[in-house]
């Protein structure tokens, strides 16, 4: 599964990659902001099984990225990993199209639980749509 990791911190991208490397067959593409992420998505349309995105980034923030991405793709799971913990922000992200949400700092287990929950839900939806 190809995973797009979007965060302006190279260190955080590395941490996310390391944690998610336990996913079966995980391949990673990185982007430092929403504009780079949109370019990566355009270069490989429909090729990602999961997108992890930070909220606060230069050039294009994660919320804008999610909104733009959801105009074209409603199905690919998107997990927002951010420091934004206020309830209103979480609701705003979900309304924009985020599939799941995890607040930094998180443990590797917390992130993997959210990712697995997201992928299980996404696979269940694909299975019911095919039936």
C-alpha atoms as a PDB file:
ATOM      1  CA  UNK A   1       0.000   0.000   0.000  1.00  0.00           C
ATOM      2  CA  UNK A   2       1.283   3.428  -0.929  1.00  0.00           C
ATOM      3  CA  UNK A   3       1.096   6.007   1.883  1.00  0.00           C
ATOM      4  CA  UNK A   4       1.390   9.777   1.416  1.00  0.00           C
ATOM      5  CA  UNK A   5       2.909  11.443   4.494  1.00  0.00           C
ATOM      6  CA  UNK A   6       2.375  15.214   4.563  1.00  0.00           C
ATOM      7  CA  UNK A   7       4.086  17.247   7.293  1.00  0.00           C
ATOM      8  CA  UNK A   8       6.372  20.277   7.191  1.00  0.00           C
ATOM      9  CA  UNK A   9       8.689  18.622   9.730  1.00  0.00           C
ATOM     10  CA  UNK A  10      11.118  16.189   8.108  1.00  0.00           C
ATOM     11  CA  UNK A  11      11.643  14.615  11.533  1.00  0.00           C
ATOM     12  CA  UNK A  12       7.900  14.022  11.960  1.00  0.00           C
ATOM     13  CA  UNK A  13       7.663  12.519   8.470  1.00  0.00           C
ATOM     14  CA  UNK A  14      10.448  10.132   9.469  1.00  0.00           C
ATOM     15  CA  UNK A  15       8.670   9.220  12.705  1.00  0.00           C
ATOM     16  CA  UNK A  16       5.397   8.583  10.859  1.00  0.00           C
ATOM     17  CA  UNK A  17       7.197   6.460   8.259  1.00  0.00           C
ATOM     18  CA  UNK A  18       8.934   4.417  10.946  1.00  0.00           C
ATOM     19  CA  UNK A  19       5.699   3.762  12.843  1.00  0.00           C
ATOM     20  CA  UNK A  20       3.766   2.888   9.687  1.00  0.00           C
ATOM     21  CA  UNK A  21       6.523   0.708   8.246  1.00  0.00           C
ATOM     22  CA  UNK A  22       4.834  -2.204  10.027  1.00  0.00           C
ATOM     23  CA  UNK A  23       1.907  -1.953   7.579  1.00  0.00           C
ATOM     24  CA  UNK A  24       2.040  -4.792   5.095  1.00  0.00           C
ATOM     25  CA  UNK A  25       3.830  -3.684   1.926  1.00  0.00           C
ATOM     26  CA  UNK A  26       3.961  -0.002   2.918  1.00  0.00           C
ATOM     27  CA  UNK A  27       5.636   2.334   0.418  1.00  0.00           C
ATOM     28  CA  UNK A  28       5.981   5.996   1.291  1.00  0.00           C
ATOM     29  CA  UNK A  29       5.815   9.265  -0.583  1.00  0.00           C
ATOM     30  CA  UNK A  30       6.545  12.426   1.395  1.00  0.00           C
ATOM     31  CA  UNK A  31       5.406  16.014   1.020  1.00  0.00           C
ATOM     32  CA  UNK A  32       6.402  19.048   3.113  1.00  0.00           C
ATOM     33  CA  UNK A  33       3.152  20.968   2.548  1.00  0.00           C
ATOM     34  CA  UNK A  34      -0.225  20.808   0.871  1.00  0.00           C
ATOM     35  CA  UNK A  35       1.067  22.049  -2.482  1.00  0.00           C
ATOM     36  CA  UNK A  36       3.679  19.280  -2.656  1.00  0.00           C
ATOM     37  CA  UNK A  37       1.008  16.799  -1.607  1.00  0.00           C
ATOM     38  CA  UNK A  38      -1.354  17.888  -4.382  1.00  0.00           C
ATOM     39  CA  UNK A  39       1.487  17.479  -6.891  1.00  0.00           C
ATOM     40  CA  UNK A  40       2.216  13.969  -5.578  1.00  0.00           C
ATOM     41  CA  UNK A  41      -1.481  13.076  -5.758  1.00  0.00           C
ATOM     42  CA  UNK A  42      -1.754  14.408  -9.313  1.00  0.00           C
ATOM     43  CA  UNK A  43       1.329  12.432 -10.348  1.00  0.00           C
ATOM     44  CA  UNK A  44      -0.200   9.206  -9.043  1.00  0.00           C
ATOM     45  CA  UNK A  45      -4.019   9.541  -9.159  1.00  0.00           C
ATOM     46  CA  UNK A  46      -5.780   6.796  -7.230  1.00  0.00           C
ATOM     47  CA  UNK A  47      -2.474   5.292  -6.221  1.00  0.00           C
ATOM     48  CA  UNK A  48      -2.548   5.948  -2.487  1.00  0.00           C
ATOM     49  CA  UNK A  49      -4.161   3.675   0.062  1.00  0.00           C
ATOM     50  CA  UNK A  50      -3.738   6.154   2.931  1.00  0.00           C
ATOM     51  CA  UNK A  51      -2.872   9.808   3.447  1.00  0.00           C
ATOM     52  CA  UNK A  52      -1.507  11.194   6.717  1.00  0.00           C
ATOM     53  CA  UNK A  53      -1.599  14.962   6.937  1.00  0.00           C
ATOM     54  CA  UNK A  54      -0.615  17.649   9.423  1.00  0.00           C
ATOM     55  CA  UNK A  55      -2.838  20.713   9.819  1.00  0.00           C
ATOM     56  CA  UNK A  56      -0.292  23.503  10.265  1.00  0.00           C
ATOM     57  CA  UNK A  57       2.089  23.819   7.311  1.00  0.00           C
ATOM     58  CA  UNK A  58       3.404  26.653   5.114  1.00  0.00           C
ATOM     59  CA  UNK A  59       2.186  27.315   1.550  1.00  0.00           C
ATOM     60  CA  UNK A  60      -0.983  25.207   1.951  1.00  0.00           C
ATOM     61  CA  UNK A  61      -2.253  23.935   5.293  1.00  0.00           C
ATOM     62  CA  UNK A  62      -3.607  20.438   5.809  1.00  0.00           C
ATOM     63  CA  UNK A  63      -7.244  21.482   6.056  1.00  0.00           C
ATOM     64  CA  UNK A  64      -7.097  23.236   2.676  1.00  0.00           C
ATOM     65  CA  UNK A  65      -5.332  20.192   1.233  1.00  0.00           C
ATOM     66  CA  UNK A  66      -8.076  17.871   2.497  1.00  0.00           C
ATOM     67  CA  UNK A  67     -10.805  20.115   1.071  1.00  0.00           C
ATOM     68  CA  UNK A  68      -9.094  20.295  -2.338  1.00  0.00           C
ATOM     69  CA  UNK A  69      -8.385  16.559  -2.369  1.00  0.00           C
ATOM     70  CA  UNK A  70     -11.965  15.672  -1.430  1.00  0.00           C
ATOM     71  CA  UNK A  71     -13.259  17.600  -4.449  1.00  0.00           C
ATOM     72  CA  UNK A  72     -11.792  14.789  -6.577  1.00  0.00           C
ATOM     73  CA  UNK A  73     -11.527  11.794  -4.247  1.00  0.00           C
ATOM     74  CA  UNK A  74     -14.094  10.967  -1.578  1.00  0.00           C
ATOM     75  CA  UNK A  75     -12.850   7.455  -0.789  1.00  0.00           C
ATOM     76  CA  UNK A  76      -9.128   7.430   0.017  1.00  0.00           C
ATOM     77  CA  UNK A  77      -8.716   7.425   3.807  1.00  0.00           C
ATOM     78  CA  UNK A  78      -7.160  10.550   5.298  1.00  0.00           C
ATOM     79  CA  UNK A  79      -5.829  10.670   8.869  1.00  0.00           C
ATOM     80  CA  UNK A  80      -4.977  14.079  10.278  1.00  0.00           C
ATOM     81  CA  UNK A  81      -2.102  13.997  12.766  1.00  0.00           C
ATOM     82  CA  UNK A  82      -1.874  17.428  14.370  1.00  0.00           C
ATOM     83  CA  UNK A  83      -1.491  19.454  17.542  1.00  0.00           C
ATOM     84  CA  UNK A  84      -4.931  20.986  16.957  1.00  0.00           C
ATOM     85  CA  UNK A  85      -6.941  19.413  19.784  1.00  0.00           C
ATOM     86  CA  UNK A  86      -9.889  21.785  20.244  1.00  0.00           C
ATOM     87  CA  UNK A  87     -13.262  20.164  19.594  1.00  0.00           C
ATOM     88  CA  UNK A  88     -14.240  22.826  17.026  1.00  0.00           C
ATOM     89  CA  UNK A  89     -11.062  22.108  15.037  1.00  0.00           C
ATOM     90  CA  UNK A  90     -11.696  18.353  15.070  1.00  0.00           C
ATOM     91  CA  UNK A  91     -15.269  18.916  13.853  1.00  0.00           C
ATOM     92  CA  UNK A  92     -14.012  21.285  11.142  1.00  0.00           C
ATOM     93  CA  UNK A  93     -11.512  18.682   9.923  1.00  0.00           C
ATOM     94  CA  UNK A  94     -14.138  15.936   9.836  1.00  0.00           C
ATOM     95  CA  UNK A  95     -16.504  18.190   7.898  1.00  0.00           C
ATOM     96  CA  UNK A  96     -13.683  18.875   5.436  1.00  0.00           C
ATOM     97  CA  UNK A  97     -13.353  15.143   4.804  1.00  0.00           C
ATOM     98  CA  UNK A  98     -10.826  13.759   7.266  1.00  0.00           C
ATOM     99  CA  UNK A  99     -11.530  10.086   7.924  1.00  0.00           C
ATOM    100  CA  UNK A 100      -9.833  10.009  11.319  1.00  0.00           C
ATOM    101  CA  UNK A 101      -7.907  12.314  13.640  1.00  0.00           C
ATOM    102  CA  UNK A 102      -5.012  11.842  16.060  1.00  0.00           C
ATOM    103  CA  UNK A 103      -3.552  14.566  18.284  1.00  0.00           C
ATOM    104  CA  UNK A 104       0.199  15.099  18.663  1.00  0.00           C
ATOM    105  CA  UNK A 105       1.999  14.056  20.701  1.00  0.00           C
ATOM    106  CA  UNK A 106       0.862  10.469  20.234  1.00  0.00           C
ATOM    107  CA  UNK A 107       2.397   7.107  20.947  1.00  0.00           C
ATOM    108  CA  UNK A 108       3.177   4.699  18.127  1.00  0.00           C
ATOM    109  CA  UNK A 109       0.356   2.482  19.372  1.00  0.00           C
ATOM    110  CA  UNK A 110      -2.150   5.360  19.355  1.00  0.00           C
ATOM    111  CA  UNK A 111      -1.253   6.190  15.747  1.00  0.00           C
ATOM    112  CA  UNK A 112      -1.365   2.558  14.611  1.00  0.00           C
ATOM    113  CA  UNK A 113      -4.730   2.051  16.326  1.00  0.00           C
ATOM    114  CA  UNK A 114      -6.158   5.063  14.459  1.00  0.00           C
ATOM    115  CA  UNK A 115      -4.659   3.946  11.149  1.00  0.00           C
ATOM    116  CA  UNK A 116      -5.863   0.359  11.498  1.00  0.00           C
ATOM    117  CA  UNK A 117      -9.332   1.557  12.528  1.00  0.00           C
ATOM    118  CA  UNK A 118      -9.383   3.870   9.498  1.00  0.00           C
ATOM    119  CA  UNK A 119      -8.215   1.193   7.060  1.00  0.00           C
ATOM    120  CA  UNK A 120     -10.642  -1.383   8.467  1.00  0.00           C
ATOM    121  CA  UNK A 121     -13.521   1.084   8.075  1.00  0.00           C
ATOM    122  CA  UNK A 122     -12.378   2.015   4.560  1.00  0.00           C
ATOM    123  CA  UNK A 123     -12.053  -1.640   3.501  1.00  0.00           C
ATOM    124  CA  UNK A 124     -15.494  -2.360   4.926  1.00  0.00           C
ATOM    125  CA  UNK A 125     -16.974   0.459   2.868  1.00  0.00           C
ATOM    126  CA  UNK A 126     -15.255  -0.781  -0.286  1.00  0.00           C
ATOM    127  CA  UNK A 127     -16.560  -4.292   0.372  1.00  0.00           C
ATOM    128  CA  UNK A 128     -20.141  -3.110   0.899  1.00  0.00           C
ATOM    129  CA  UNK A 129     -19.970  -0.891  -2.192  1.00  0.00           C
ATOM    130  CA  UNK A 130     -18.868  -3.862  -4.279  1.00  0.00           C
ATOM    131  CA  UNK A 131     -21.692  -6.063  -3.000  1.00  0.00           C
END
